[in-house]
PDB file of all heavy atoms in Angstrom:
ATOM      1  N   GLY A   1       0.785  -1.231   0.000  1.00  0.00           N
ATOM      2  CA  GLY A   1       0.000   0.000   0.000  1.00  0.00           C
ATOM      3  C   GLY A   1       0.814   1.277   0.000  1.00  0.00           C
ATOM      4  O   GLY A   1       0.281   2.358  -0.219  1.00  0.00           O
ATOM      5  N   ASP A   2       2.118   1.189   0.253  1.00  0.00           N
ATOM      6  CA  ASP A   2       2.973   2.377   0.247  1.00  0.00           C
ATOM      7  C   ASP A   2       3.247   2.814  -1.184  1.00  0.00           C
ATOM      8  O   ASP A   2       3.333   1.994  -2.093  1.00  0.00           O
ATOM      9  CB  ASP A   2       4.309   2.095   0.937  1.00  0.00           C
ATOM     10  CG  ASP A   2       4.159   1.880   2.429  1.00  0.00           C
ATOM     11  OD1 ASP A   2       3.162   2.349   3.006  1.00  0.00           O
ATOM     12  OD2 ASP A   2       5.047   1.228   3.025  1.00  0.00           O
ATOM     13  N   TYR A   3       3.421   4.120  -1.364  1.00  0.00           N
ATOM     14  CA  TYR A   3       3.804   4.648  -2.665  1.00  0.00           C
ATOM     15  C   TYR A   3       5.323   4.627  -2.751  1.00  0.00           C
ATOM     16  O   TYR A   3       6.010   5.224  -1.934  1.00  0.00           O
ATOM     17  CB  TYR A   3       3.300   6.073  -2.852  1.00  0.00           C
ATOM     18  CG  TYR A   3       1.796   6.165  -2.925  1.00  0.00           C
ATOM     19  CD1 TYR A   3       1.062   6.763  -1.917  1.00  0.00           C
ATOM     20  CD2 TYR A   3       1.113   5.644  -4.010  1.00  0.00           C
ATOM     21  CE1 TYR A   3      -0.313   6.846  -1.991  1.00  0.00           C
ATOM     22  CE2 TYR A   3      -0.266   5.725  -4.094  1.00  0.00           C
ATOM     23  CZ  TYR A   3      -0.970   6.328  -3.078  1.00  0.00           C
ATOM     24  OH  TYR A   3      -2.327   6.397  -3.166  1.00  0.00           O
ATOM     25  N   SER A   4       5.863   3.938  -3.751  1.00  0.00           N
ATOM     26  CA  SER A   4       7.312   3.803  -3.846  1.00  0.00           C
ATOM     27  C   SER A   4       7.832   4.069  -5.252  1.00  0.00           C
ATOM     28  O   SER A   4       8.936   3.705  -5.579  1.00  0.00           O
ATOM     29  CB  SER A   4       7.726   2.397  -3.422  1.00  0.00           C
ATOM     30  OG  SER A   4       7.171   1.475  -4.327  1.00  0.00           O
ATOM     31  N   GLY A   5       7.032   4.703  -6.072  1.00  0.00           N
ATOM     32  CA  GLY A   5       7.454   5.020  -7.425  1.00  0.00           C
ATOM     33  C   GLY A   5       6.463   5.972  -8.057  1.00  0.00           C
ATOM     34  O   GLY A   5       5.459   6.349  -7.443  1.00  0.00           O
ATOM     35  N   TYR A   6       6.744   6.348  -9.288  1.00  0.00           N
ATOM     36  CA  TYR A   6       5.856   7.268  -9.992  1.00  0.00           C
ATOM     37  C   TYR A   6       5.964   7.034 -11.489  1.00  0.00           C
ATOM     38  O   TYR A   6       6.924   6.439 -11.970  1.00  0.00           O
ATOM     39  CB  TYR A   6       6.169   8.721  -9.655  1.00  0.00           C
ATOM     40  CG  TYR A   6       7.602   9.125  -9.882  1.00  0.00           C
ATOM     41  CD1 TYR A   6       8.022   9.601 -11.119  1.00  0.00           C
ATOM     42  CD2 TYR A   6       8.542   9.028  -8.866  1.00  0.00           C
ATOM     43  CE1 TYR A   6       9.331   9.966 -11.330  1.00  0.00           C
ATOM     44  CE2 TYR A   6       9.854   9.393  -9.063  1.00  0.00           C
ATOM     45  CZ  TYR A   6      10.246   9.867 -10.300  1.00  0.00           C
ATOM     46  OH  TYR A   6      11.551  10.225 -10.507  1.00  0.00           O
ATOM     47  N   SER A   7       4.943   7.490 -12.194  1.00  0.00           N
ATOM     48  CA  SER A   7       4.941   7.365 -13.646  1.00  0.00           C
ATOM     49  C   SER A   7       4.199   8.551 -14.248  1.00  0.00           C
ATOM     50  O   SER A   7       3.473   9.268 -13.560  1.00  0.00           O
ATOM     51  CB  SER A   7       4.280   6.053 -14.075  1.00  0.00           C
ATOM     52  OG  SER A   7       2.920   6.042 -13.700  1.00  0.00           O
ATOM     53  N   PHE A   8       4.385   8.713 -15.536  1.00  0.00           N
ATOM     54  CA  PHE A   8       3.694   9.763 -16.273  1.00  0.00           C
ATOM     55  C   PHE A   8       2.785   9.103 -17.303  1.00  0.00           C
ATOM     56  O   PHE A   8       3.093   8.044 -17.831  1.00  0.00           O
ATOM     57  CB  PHE A   8       4.699  10.686 -16.971  1.00  0.00           C
ATOM     58  CG  PHE A   8       5.462  11.551 -16.005  1.00  0.00           C
ATOM     59  CD1 PHE A   8       6.645  11.107 -15.449  1.00  0.00           C
ATOM     60  CD2 PHE A   8       4.980  12.788 -15.637  1.00  0.00           C
ATOM     61  CE1 PHE A   8       7.341  11.883 -14.541  1.00  0.00           C
ATOM     62  CE2 PHE A   8       5.672  13.578 -14.738  1.00  0.00           C
ATOM     63  CZ  PHE A   8       6.855  13.119 -14.187  1.00  0.00           C
ATOM     64  N   VAL A   9       1.662   9.741 -17.554  1.00  0.00           N
ATOM     65  CA  VAL A   9       0.716   9.271 -18.555  1.00  0.00           C
ATOM     66  C   VAL A   9       0.410  10.431 -19.494  1.00  0.00           C
ATOM     67  O   VAL A   9       0.595  11.597 -19.146  1.00  0.00           O
ATOM     68  CB  VAL A   9      -0.587   8.740 -17.906  1.00  0.00           C
ATOM     69  CG1 VAL A   9      -0.322   7.456 -17.158  1.00  0.00           C
ATOM     70  CG2 VAL A   9      -1.213   9.765 -16.994  1.00  0.00           C
ATOM     71  N   VAL A  10      -0.029  10.098 -20.696  1.00  0.00           N
ATOM     72  CA  VAL A  10      -0.380  11.106 -21.688  1.00  0.00           C
ATOM     73  C   VAL A  10      -1.805  10.820 -22.153  1.00  0.00           C
ATOM     74  O   VAL A  10      -2.218   9.653 -22.251  1.00  0.00           O
ATOM     75  CB  VAL A  10       0.633  11.136 -22.860  1.00  0.00           C
ATOM     76  CG1 VAL A  10       0.641   9.848 -23.626  1.00  0.00           C
ATOM     77  CG2 VAL A  10       0.409  12.331 -23.754  1.00  0.00           C
ATOM     78  N   TYR A  11      -2.542  11.877 -22.417  1.00  0.00           N
ATOM     79  CA  TYR A  11      -3.934  11.709 -22.845  1.00  0.00           C
ATOM     80  C   TYR A  11      -3.984  11.419 -24.333  1.00  0.00           C
ATOM     81  O   TYR A  11      -3.441  12.159 -25.147  1.00  0.00           O
ATOM     82  CB  TYR A  11      -4.752  12.955 -22.509  1.00  0.00           C
ATOM     83  CG  TYR A  11      -6.227  12.766 -22.742  1.00  0.00           C
ATOM     84  CD1 TYR A  11      -6.960  11.948 -21.906  1.00  0.00           C
ATOM     85  CD2 TYR A  11      -6.868  13.376 -23.802  1.00  0.00           C
ATOM     86  CE1 TYR A  11      -8.312  11.751 -22.108  1.00  0.00           C
ATOM     87  CE2 TYR A  11      -8.214  13.196 -24.020  1.00  0.00           C
ATOM     88  CZ  TYR A  11      -8.937  12.379 -23.165  1.00  0.00           C
ATOM     89  OH  TYR A  11     -10.271  12.186 -23.369  1.00  0.00           O
ATOM     90  N   ASP A  12      -4.644  10.315 -24.689  1.00  0.00           N
ATOM     91  CA  ASP A  12      -4.827   9.909 -26.080  1.00  0.00           C
ATOM     92  C   ASP A  12      -6.172  10.458 -26.541  1.00  0.00           C
ATOM     93  O   ASP A  12      -7.231   9.940 -26.157  1.00  0.00           O
ATOM     94  CB  ASP A  12      -4.780   8.381 -26.171  1.00  0.00           C
ATOM     95  CG  ASP A  12      -4.941   7.875 -27.590  1.00  0.00           C
ATOM     96  OD1 ASP A  12      -5.020   8.696 -28.529  1.00  0.00           O
ATOM     97  OD2 ASP A  12      -4.990   6.642 -27.759  1.00  0.00           O
ATOM     98  N   ASP A  13      -6.149  11.517 -27.360  1.00  0.00           N
ATOM     99  CA  ASP A  13      -7.382  12.161 -27.822  1.00  0.00           C
ATOM    100  C   ASP A  13      -8.259  11.215 -28.632  1.00  0.00           C
ATOM    101  O   ASP A  13      -9.481  11.243 -28.516  1.00  0.00           O
ATOM    102  CB  ASP A  13      -7.055  13.388 -28.684  1.00  0.00           C
ATOM    103  CG  ASP A  13      -6.540  14.549 -27.861  1.00  0.00           C
ATOM    104  OD1 ASP A  13      -6.982  14.696 -26.707  1.00  0.00           O
ATOM    105  OD2 ASP A  13      -5.686  15.305 -28.375  1.00  0.00           O
ATOM    106  N   GLU A  14      -7.632  10.377 -29.438  1.00  0.00           N
ATOM    107  CA  GLU A  14      -8.377   9.478 -30.313  1.00  0.00           C
ATOM    108  C   GLU A  14      -9.217   8.477 -29.517  1.00  0.00           C
ATOM    109  O   GLU A  14     -10.400   8.278 -29.795  1.00  0.00           O
ATOM    110  CB  GLU A  14      -7.410   8.736 -31.235  1.00  0.00           C
ATOM    111  CG  GLU A  14      -8.089   7.927 -32.297  1.00  0.00           C
ATOM    112  CD  GLU A  14      -7.066   7.325 -33.246  1.00  0.00           C
ATOM    113  OE1 GLU A  14      -6.215   8.084 -33.761  1.00  0.00           O
ATOM    114  OE2 GLU A  14      -7.120   6.095 -33.439  1.00  0.00           O
ATOM    115  N   ASN A  15      -8.599   7.841 -28.513  1.00  0.00           N
ATOM    116  CA  ASN A  15      -9.296   6.841 -27.705  1.00  0.00           C
ATOM    117  C   ASN A  15      -9.909   7.421 -26.430  1.00  0.00           C
ATOM    118  O   ASN A  15     -10.586   6.716 -25.690  1.00  0.00           O
ATOM    119  CB  ASN A  15      -8.349   5.696 -27.333  1.00  0.00           C
ATOM    120  CG  ASN A  15      -7.860   4.962 -28.548  1.00  0.00           C
ATOM    121  OD1 ASN A  15      -8.592   4.784 -29.514  1.00  0.00           O
ATOM    122  ND2 ASN A  15      -6.608   4.543 -28.516  1.00  0.00           N
ATOM    123  N   GLN A  16      -9.598   8.673 -26.149  1.00  0.00           N
ATOM    124  CA  GLN A  16     -10.053   9.373 -24.948  1.00  0.00           C
ATOM    125  C   GLN A  16      -9.707   8.595 -23.677  1.00  0.00           C
ATOM    126  O   GLN A  16     -10.548   8.376 -22.808  1.00  0.00           O
ATOM    127  CB  GLN A  16     -11.544   9.667 -25.028  1.00  0.00           C
ATOM    128  CG  GLN A  16     -11.886  10.624 -26.142  1.00  0.00           C
ATOM    129  CD  GLN A  16     -13.342  11.038 -26.146  1.00  0.00           C
ATOM    130  OE1 GLN A  16     -14.172  10.479 -25.449  1.00  0.00           O
ATOM    131  NE2 GLN A  16     -13.634  12.055 -26.942  1.00  0.00           N
ATOM    132  N   THR A  17      -8.435   8.191 -23.596  1.00  0.00           N
ATOM    133  CA  THR A  17      -7.927   7.479 -22.418  1.00  0.00           C
ATOM    134  C   THR A  17      -6.540   8.003 -22.060  1.00  0.00           C
ATOM    135  O   THR A  17      -5.855   8.604 -22.890  1.00  0.00           O
ATOM    136  CB  THR A  17      -7.814   5.960 -22.675  1.00  0.00           C
ATOM    137  OG1 THR A  17      -6.924   5.761 -23.782  1.00  0.00           O
ATOM    138  CG2 THR A  17      -9.156   5.325 -22.950  1.00  0.00           C
ATOM    139  N   TRP A  18      -6.145   7.749 -20.828  1.00  0.00           N
ATOM    140  CA  TRP A  18      -4.791   8.053 -20.377  1.00  0.00           C
ATOM    141  C   TRP A  18      -3.949   6.807 -20.579  1.00  0.00           C
ATOM    142  O   TRP A  18      -4.315   5.731 -20.123  1.00  0.00           O
ATOM    143  CB  TRP A  18      -4.791   8.446 -18.900  1.00  0.00           C
ATOM    144  CG  TRP A  18      -5.455   9.759 -18.652  1.00  0.00           C
ATOM    145  CD1 TRP A  18      -6.760   9.959 -18.319  1.00  0.00           C
ATOM    146  CD2 TRP A  18      -4.842  11.036 -18.720  1.00  0.00           C
ATOM    147  NE1 TRP A  18      -7.000  11.303 -18.188  1.00  0.00           N
ATOM    148  CE2 TRP A  18      -5.840  11.989 -18.423  1.00  0.00           C
ATOM    149  CE3 TRP A  18      -3.559  11.481 -19.009  1.00  0.00           C
ATOM    150  CZ2 TRP A  18      -5.591  13.355 -18.399  1.00  0.00           C
ATOM    151  CZ3 TRP A  18      -3.309  12.843 -18.985  1.00  0.00           C
ATOM    152  CH2 TRP A  18      -4.308  13.771 -18.681  1.00  0.00           C
ATOM    153  N   THR A  19      -2.825   6.954 -21.285  1.00  0.00           N
ATOM    154  CA  THR A  19      -1.935   5.812 -21.517  1.00  0.00           C
ATOM    155  C   THR A  19      -0.559   6.102 -20.934  1.00  0.00           C
ATOM    156  O   THR A  19      -0.132   7.254 -20.860  1.00  0.00           O
ATOM    157  CB  THR A  19      -1.781   5.511 -23.029  1.00  0.00           C
ATOM    158  OG1 THR A  19      -1.292   6.679 -23.684  1.00  0.00           O
ATOM    159  CG2 THR A  19      -3.102   5.106 -23.631  1.00  0.00           C
ATOM    160  N   ALA A  20       0.107   5.024 -20.532  1.00  0.00           N
ATOM    161  CA  ALA A  20       1.436   5.163 -19.932  1.00  0.00           C
ATOM    162  C   ALA A  20       2.400   5.780 -20.934  1.00  0.00           C
ATOM    163  O   ALA A  20       2.401   5.427 -22.116  1.00  0.00           O
ATOM    164  CB  ALA A  20       1.950   3.810 -19.475  1.00  0.00           C
ATOM    165  N   TYR A  21       3.209   6.715 -20.468  1.00  0.00           N
ATOM    166  CA  TYR A  21       4.233   7.339 -21.301  1.00  0.00           C
ATOM    167  C   TYR A  21       5.528   6.596 -20.998  1.00  0.00           C
ATOM    168  O   TYR A  21       6.058   6.684 -19.895  1.00  0.00           O
ATOM    169  CB  TYR A  21       4.344   8.829 -20.964  1.00  0.00           C
ATOM    170  CG  TYR A  21       5.118   9.614 -21.977  1.00  0.00           C
ATOM    171  CD1 TYR A  21       4.533   9.999 -23.170  1.00  0.00           C
ATOM    172  CD2 TYR A  21       6.436   9.985 -21.738  1.00  0.00           C
ATOM    173  CE1 TYR A  21       5.233  10.732 -24.107  1.00  0.00           C
ATOM    174  CE2 TYR A  21       7.141  10.724 -22.679  1.00  0.00           C
ATOM    175  CZ  TYR A  21       6.537  11.091 -23.859  1.00  0.00           C
ATOM    176  OH  TYR A  21       7.235  11.819 -24.790  1.00  0.00           O
ATOM    177  N   ASP A  22       6.034   5.851 -21.963  1.00  0.00           N
ATOM    178  CA  ASP A  22       7.160   4.964 -21.684  1.00  0.00           C
ATOM    179  C   ASP A  22       8.481   5.425 -22.294  1.00  0.00           C
ATOM    180  O   ASP A  22       9.399   4.637 -22.443  1.00  0.00           O
ATOM    181  CB  ASP A  22       6.839   3.542 -22.135  1.00  0.00           C
ATOM    182  CG  ASP A  22       6.452   3.475 -23.609  1.00  0.00           C
ATOM    183  OD1 ASP A  22       6.434   4.526 -24.263  1.00  0.00           O
ATOM    184  OD2 ASP A  22       6.163   2.363 -24.090  1.00  0.00           O
ATOM    185  N   GLN A  23       8.602   6.691 -22.639  1.00  0.00           N
ATOM    186  CA  GLN A  23       9.866   7.193 -23.172  1.00  0.00           C
ATOM    187  C   GLN A  23      10.702   7.759 -22.033  1.00  0.00           C
ATOM    188  O   GLN A  23      10.186   8.439 -21.150  1.00  0.00           O
ATOM    189  CB  GLN A  23       9.612   8.260 -24.232  1.00  0.00           C
ATOM    190  CG  GLN A  23       8.914   7.703 -25.458  1.00  0.00           C
ATOM    191  CD  GLN A  23       8.696   8.777 -26.504  1.00  0.00           C
ATOM    192  OE1 GLN A  23       9.290   9.843 -26.455  1.00  0.00           O
ATOM    193  NE2 GLN A  23       7.826   8.497 -27.457  1.00  0.00           N
ATOM    194  N   ARG A  24      11.996   7.464 -22.086  1.00  0.00           N
ATOM    195  CA  ARG A  24      12.907   7.958 -21.054  1.00  0.00           C
ATOM    196  C   ARG A  24      12.976   9.465 -21.086  1.00  0.00           C
ATOM    197  O   ARG A  24      12.893  10.029 -22.135  1.00  0.00           O
ATOM    198  CB  ARG A  24      14.302   7.383 -21.279  1.00  0.00           C
ATOM    199  CG  ARG A  24      14.367   5.893 -21.023  1.00  0.00           C
ATOM    200  CD  ARG A  24      15.782   5.452 -21.078  1.00  0.00           C
ATOM    201  NE  ARG A  24      16.522   6.154 -20.044  1.00  0.00           N
ATOM    202  CZ  ARG A  24      17.122   5.582 -19.027  1.00  0.00           C
ATOM    203  NH1 ARG A  24      17.104   4.304 -18.924  1.00  0.00           N
ATOM    204  NH2 ARG A  24      17.758   6.278 -18.131  1.00  0.00           N
ATOM    205  N   PRO A  25      13.104  10.130 -20.008  1.00  0.00           N
ATOM    206  CA  PRO A  25      13.160   9.693 -18.617  1.00  0.00           C
ATOM    207  C   PRO A  25      11.794   9.727 -17.922  1.00  0.00           C
ATOM    208  O   PRO A  25      11.724   9.683 -16.709  1.00  0.00           O
ATOM    209  CB  PRO A  25      14.088  10.715 -17.993  1.00  0.00           C
ATOM    210  CG  PRO A  25      13.768  11.983 -18.712  1.00  0.00           C
ATOM    211  CD  PRO A  25      13.439  11.559 -20.123  1.00  0.00           C
ATOM    212  N   LEU A  26      10.712   9.796 -18.695  1.00  0.00           N
ATOM    213  CA  LEU A  26       9.387   9.911 -18.102  1.00  0.00           C
ATOM    214  C   LEU A  26       8.686   8.569 -17.892  1.00  0.00           C
ATOM    215  O   LEU A  26       7.519   8.526 -17.535  1.00  0.00           O
ATOM    216  CB  LEU A  26       8.497  10.821 -18.959  1.00  0.00           C
ATOM    217  CG  LEU A  26       9.015  12.237 -19.202  1.00  0.00           C
ATOM    218  CD1 LEU A  26       8.040  13.020 -20.061  1.00  0.00           C
ATOM    219  CD2 LEU A  26       9.274  12.960 -17.905  1.00  0.00           C
ATOM    220  N   GLU A  27       9.393   7.467 -18.100  1.00  0.00           N
ATOM    221  CA  GLU A  27       8.785   6.155 -17.900  1.00  0.00           C
ATOM    222  C   GLU A  27       8.664   5.860 -16.402  1.00  0.00           C
ATOM    223  O   GLU A  27       9.147   6.625 -15.570  1.00  0.00           O
ATOM    224  CB  GLU A  27       9.595   5.056 -18.604  1.00  0.00           C
ATOM    225  CG  GLU A  27      10.845   4.606 -17.871  1.00  0.00           C
ATOM    226  CD  GLU A  27      12.055   5.485 -18.111  1.00  0.00           C
ATOM    227  OE1 GLU A  27      11.949   6.527 -18.747  1.00  0.00           O
ATOM    228  OE2 GLU A  27      13.142   5.113 -17.640  1.00  0.00           O
ATOM    229  N   LEU A  28       8.027   4.745 -16.074  1.00  0.00           N
ATOM    230  CA  LEU A  28       7.846   4.327 -14.684  1.00  0.00           C
ATOM    231  C   LEU A  28       9.185   4.312 -13.960  1.00  0.00           C
ATOM    232  O   LEU A  28      10.171   3.781 -14.474  1.00  0.00           O
ATOM    233  CB  LEU A  28       7.218   2.929 -14.649  1.00  0.00           C
ATOM    234  CG  LEU A  28       7.140   2.247 -13.287  1.00  0.00           C
ATOM    235  CD1 LEU A  28       6.190   2.985 -12.373  1.00  0.00           C
ATOM    236  CD2 LEU A  28       6.719   0.809 -13.457  1.00  0.00           C
ATOM    237  N   HIS A  29       9.216   4.909 -12.780  1.00  0.00           N
ATOM    238  CA  HIS A  29      10.454   4.965 -11.995  1.00  0.00           C
ATOM    239  C   HIS A  29      10.178   4.477 -10.582  1.00  0.00           C
ATOM    240  O   HIS A  29       9.294   4.986  -9.904  1.00  0.00           O
ATOM    241  CB  HIS A  29      10.994   6.400 -11.953  1.00  0.00           C
ATOM    242  CG  HIS A  29      12.258   6.531 -11.171  1.00  0.00           C
ATOM    243  ND1 HIS A  29      13.460   6.074 -11.636  1.00  0.00           N
ATOM    244  CD2 HIS A  29      12.494   7.049  -9.949  1.00  0.00           C
ATOM    245  CE1 HIS A  29      14.393   6.325 -10.729  1.00  0.00           C
ATOM    246  NE2 HIS A  29      13.824   6.907  -9.693  1.00  0.00           N
ATOM    247  N   LYS A  30      10.921   3.464 -10.166  1.00  0.00           N
ATOM    248  CA  LYS A  30      10.837   2.953  -8.796  1.00  0.00           C
ATOM    249  C   LYS A  30      11.892   3.645  -7.953  1.00  0.00           C
ATOM    250  O   LYS A  30      13.043   3.769  -8.374  1.00  0.00           O
ATOM    251  CB  LYS A  30      11.074   1.438  -8.759  1.00  0.00           C
ATOM    252  CG  LYS A  30      10.013   0.640  -9.478  1.00  0.00           C
ATOM    253  CD  LYS A  30       8.737   0.637  -8.684  1.00  0.00           C
ATOM    254  CE  LYS A  30       7.712  -0.251  -9.350  1.00  0.00           C
ATOM    255  NZ  LYS A  30       6.419  -0.165  -8.736  1.00  0.00           N
ATOM    256  N   LEU A  31      11.514   4.072  -6.772  1.00  0.00           N
ATOM    257  CA  LEU A  31      12.439   4.750  -5.871  1.00  0.00           C
ATOM    258  C   LEU A  31      13.317   3.743  -5.137  1.00  0.00           C
ATOM    259  O   LEU A  31      12.908   2.594  -4.938  1.00  0.00           O
ATOM    260  CB  LEU A  31      11.651   5.571  -4.855  1.00  0.00           C
ATOM    261  CG  LEU A  31      10.858   6.725  -5.439  1.00  0.00           C
ATOM    262  CD1 LEU A  31       9.954   7.327  -4.382  1.00  0.00           C
ATOM    263  CD2 LEU A  31      11.764   7.777  -6.015  1.00  0.00           C
ATOM    264  N   PRO A  32      14.511   4.157  -4.719  1.00  0.00           N
ATOM    265  CA  PRO A  32      15.364   3.259  -3.930  1.00  0.00           C
ATOM    266  C   PRO A  32      14.674   2.855  -2.621  1.00  0.00           C
ATOM    267  O   PRO A  32      13.780   3.544  -2.132  1.00  0.00           O
ATOM    268  CB  PRO A  32      16.605   4.110  -3.637  1.00  0.00           C
ATOM    269  CG  PRO A  32      16.619   5.150  -4.699  1.00  0.00           C
ATOM    270  CD  PRO A  32      15.189   5.416  -5.034  1.00  0.00           C
ATOM    271  N   GLU A  33      15.111   1.749  -2.082  1.00  0.00           N
ATOM    272  CA  GLU A  33      14.551   1.198  -0.844  1.00  0.00           C
ATOM    273  C   GLU A  33      14.505   2.251   0.265  1.00  0.00           C
ATOM    274  O   GLU A  33      15.479   2.954   0.497  1.00  0.00           O
ATOM    275  CB  GLU A  33      15.410   0.014  -0.382  1.00  0.00           C
ATOM    276  CG  GLU A  33      14.871  -0.726   0.800  1.00  0.00           C
ATOM    277  CD  GLU A  33      13.661  -1.563   0.470  1.00  0.00           C
ATOM    278  OE1 GLU A  33      13.547  -2.013  -0.684  1.00  0.00           O
ATOM    279  OE2 GLU A  33      12.832  -1.757   1.364  1.00  0.00           O
ATOM    280  N   GLY A  34      13.357   2.358   0.909  1.00  0.00           N
ATOM    281  CA  GLY A  34      13.215   3.252   2.063  1.00  0.00           C
ATOM    282  C   GLY A  34      12.654   4.624   1.746  1.00  0.00           C
ATOM    283  O   GLY A  34      12.164   5.301   2.631  1.00  0.00           O
ATOM    284  N   ILE A  35      12.722   5.069   0.506  1.00  0.00           N
ATOM    285  CA  ILE A  35      12.193   6.387   0.152  1.00  0.00           C
ATOM    286  C   ILE A  35      10.705   6.242  -0.156  1.00  0.00           C
ATOM    287  O   ILE A  35      10.300   5.400  -0.934  1.00  0.00           O
ATOM    288  CB  ILE A  35      12.939   7.001  -1.050  1.00  0.00           C
ATOM    289  CG1 ILE A  35      14.416   7.203  -0.706  1.00  0.00           C
ATOM    290  CG2 ILE A  35      12.297   8.319  -1.450  1.00  0.00           C
ATOM    291  CD1 ILE A  35      15.248   7.752  -1.839  1.00  0.00           C
ATOM    292  N   GLN A  36       9.891   7.064   0.494  1.00  0.00           N
ATOM    293  CA  GLN A  36       8.442   7.026   0.343  1.00  0.00           C
ATOM    294  C   GLN A  36       7.940   8.351  -0.222  1.00  0.00           C
ATOM    295  O   GLN A  36       8.617   9.369  -0.119  1.00  0.00           O
ATOM    296  CB  GLN A  36       7.774   6.788   1.700  1.00  0.00           C
ATOM    297  CG  GLN A  36       8.130   5.463   2.326  1.00  0.00           C
ATOM    298  CD  GLN A  36       7.487   4.311   1.605  1.00  0.00           C
ATOM    299  OE1 GLN A  36       6.322   4.372   1.251  1.00  0.00           O
ATOM    300  NE2 GLN A  36       8.245   3.251   1.379  1.00  0.00           N
ATOM    301  N   LEU A  37       6.738   8.325  -0.778  1.00  0.00           N
ATOM    302  CA  LEU A  37       6.104   9.510  -1.358  1.00  0.00           C
ATOM    303  C   LEU A  37       4.738   9.741  -0.726  1.00  0.00           C
ATOM    304  O   LEU A  37       4.042   8.796  -0.372  1.00  0.00           O
ATOM    305  CB  LEU A  37       5.898   9.317  -2.865  1.00  0.00           C
ATOM    306  CG  LEU A  37       7.132   9.151  -3.722  1.00  0.00           C
ATOM    307  CD1 LEU A  37       6.743   8.652  -5.100  1.00  0.00           C
ATOM    308  CD2 LEU A  37       7.854  10.466  -3.835  1.00  0.00           C
ATOM    309  N   GLN A  38       4.374  11.017  -0.630  1.00  0.00           N
ATOM    310  CA  GLN A  38       3.031  11.383  -0.184  1.00  0.00           C
ATOM    311  C   GLN A  38       2.604  12.589  -1.012  1.00  0.00           C
ATOM    312  O   GLN A  38       3.316  13.589  -1.087  1.00  0.00           O
ATOM    313  CB  GLN A  38       3.036  11.725   1.297  1.00  0.00           C
ATOM    314  CG  GLN A  38       1.675  12.078   1.837  1.00  0.00           C
ATOM    315  CD  GLN A  38       1.724  12.373   3.322  1.00  0.00           C
ATOM    316  OE1 GLN A  38       2.790  12.460   3.923  1.00  0.00           O
ATOM    317  NE2 GLN A  38       0.572  12.537   3.910  1.00  0.00           N
ATOM    318  N   LEU A  39       1.437  12.487  -1.644  1.00  0.00           N
ATOM    319  CA  LEU A  39       0.949  13.528  -2.547  1.00  0.00           C
ATOM    320  C   LEU A  39      -0.284  14.188  -1.967  1.00  0.00           C
ATOM    321  O   LEU A  39      -1.216  13.513  -1.537  1.00  0.00           O
ATOM    322  CB  LEU A  39       0.623  12.917  -3.913  1.00  0.00           C
ATOM    323  CG  LEU A  39       0.089  13.859  -4.980  1.00  0.00           C
ATOM    324  CD1 LEU A  39       1.119  14.913  -5.348  1.00  0.00           C
ATOM    325  CD2 LEU A  39      -0.322  13.069  -6.217  1.00  0.00           C
ATOM    326  N   SER A  40      -0.278  15.514  -1.973  1.00  0.00           N
ATOM    327  CA  SER A  40      -1.432  16.294  -1.549  1.00  0.00           C
ATOM    328  C   SER A  40      -1.801  17.211  -2.709  1.00  0.00           C
ATOM    329  O   SER A  40      -0.978  18.007  -3.165  1.00  0.00           O
ATOM    330  CB  SER A  40      -1.077  17.109  -0.303  1.00  0.00           C
ATOM    331  OG  SER A  40      -2.117  17.979   0.018  1.00  0.00           O
ATOM    332  N   VAL A  41      -3.048  17.068  -3.185  1.00  0.00           N
ATOM    333  CA  VAL A  41      -3.503  17.839  -4.345  1.00  0.00           C
ATOM    334  C   VAL A  41      -4.612  18.778  -3.917  1.00  0.00           C
ATOM    335  O   VAL A  41      -5.533  18.373  -3.200  1.00  0.00           O
ATOM    336  CB  VAL A  41      -4.007  16.887  -5.461  1.00  0.00           C
ATOM    337  CG1 VAL A  41      -4.526  17.678  -6.643  1.00  0.00           C
ATOM    338  CG2 VAL A  41      -2.898  15.953  -5.896  1.00  0.00           C
ATOM    339  N   GLU A  42      -4.532  20.026  -4.360  1.00  0.00           N
ATOM    340  CA  GLU A  42      -5.566  21.004  -4.044  1.00  0.00           C
ATOM    341  C   GLU A  42      -6.872  20.591  -4.712  1.00  0.00           C
ATOM    342  O   GLU A  42      -6.900  20.260  -5.898  1.00  0.00           O
ATOM    343  CB  GLU A  42      -5.138  22.375  -4.549  1.00  0.00           C
ATOM    344  CG  GLU A  42      -6.036  23.503  -4.100  1.00  0.00           C
ATOM    345  CD  GLU A  42      -5.487  24.840  -4.536  1.00  0.00           C
ATOM    346  OE1 GLU A  42      -4.391  25.201  -4.070  1.00  0.00           O
ATOM    347  OE2 GLU A  42      -6.157  25.506  -5.339  1.00  0.00           O
TER     348      GLU A  42
END
Protein backbone atom coordinates (compact mmCIF):
# COMPACT_ATOMS: atom_id res chain seq x y z
CA GLY A 1 0.00 0.00 0.00
CA ASP A 2 2.97 2.38 0.25
CA TYR A 3 3.80 4.65 -2.67
CA SER A 4 7.31 3.80 -3.85
CA GLY A 5 7.45 5.02 -7.43
CA TYR A 6 5.86 7.27 -9.99
CA SER A 7 4.94 7.36 -13.65
CA PHE A 8 3.69 9.76 -16.27
CA VAL A 9 0.72 9.27 -18.55
CA VAL A 10 -0.38 11.11 -21.69
CA TYR A 11 -3.93 11.71 -22.85
CA ASP A 12 -4.83 9.91 -26.08
CA ASP A 13 -7.38 12.16 -27.82
CA GLU A 14 -8.38 9.48 -30.31
CA ASN A 15 -9.30 6.84 -27.70
CA GLN A 16 -10.05 9.37 -24.95
CA THR A 17 -7.93 7.48 -22.42
CA TRP A 18 -4.79 8.05 -20.38
CA THR A 19 -1.94 5.81 -21.52
CA ALA A 20 1.44 5.16 -19.93
CA TYR A 21 4.23 7.34 -21.30
CA ASP A 22 7.16 4.96 -21.68
CA GLN A 23 9.87 7.19 -23.17
CA ARG A 24 12.91 7.96 -21.05
CA PRO A 25 13.16 9.69 -18.62
CA LEU A 26 9.39 9.91 -18.10
CA GLU A 27 8.79 6.15 -17.90
CA LEU A 28 7.85 4.33 -14.68
CA HIS A 29 10.45 4.97 -11.99
CA LYS A 30 10.84 2.95 -8.80
CA LEU A 31 12.44 4.75 -5.87
CA PRO A 32 15.36 3.26 -3.93
CA GLU A 33 14.55 1.20 -0.84
CA GLY A 34 13.22 3.25 2.06
CA ILE A 35 12.19 6.39 0.15
CA GLN A 36 8.44 7.03 0.34
CA LEU A 37 6.10 9.51 -1.36
CA GLN A 38 3.03 11.38 -0.18
CA LEU A 39 0.95 13.53 -2.55
CA SER A 40 -1.43 16.29 -1.55
CA VAL A 41 -3.50 17.84 -4.34
CA GLU A 42 -5.57 21.00 -4.04
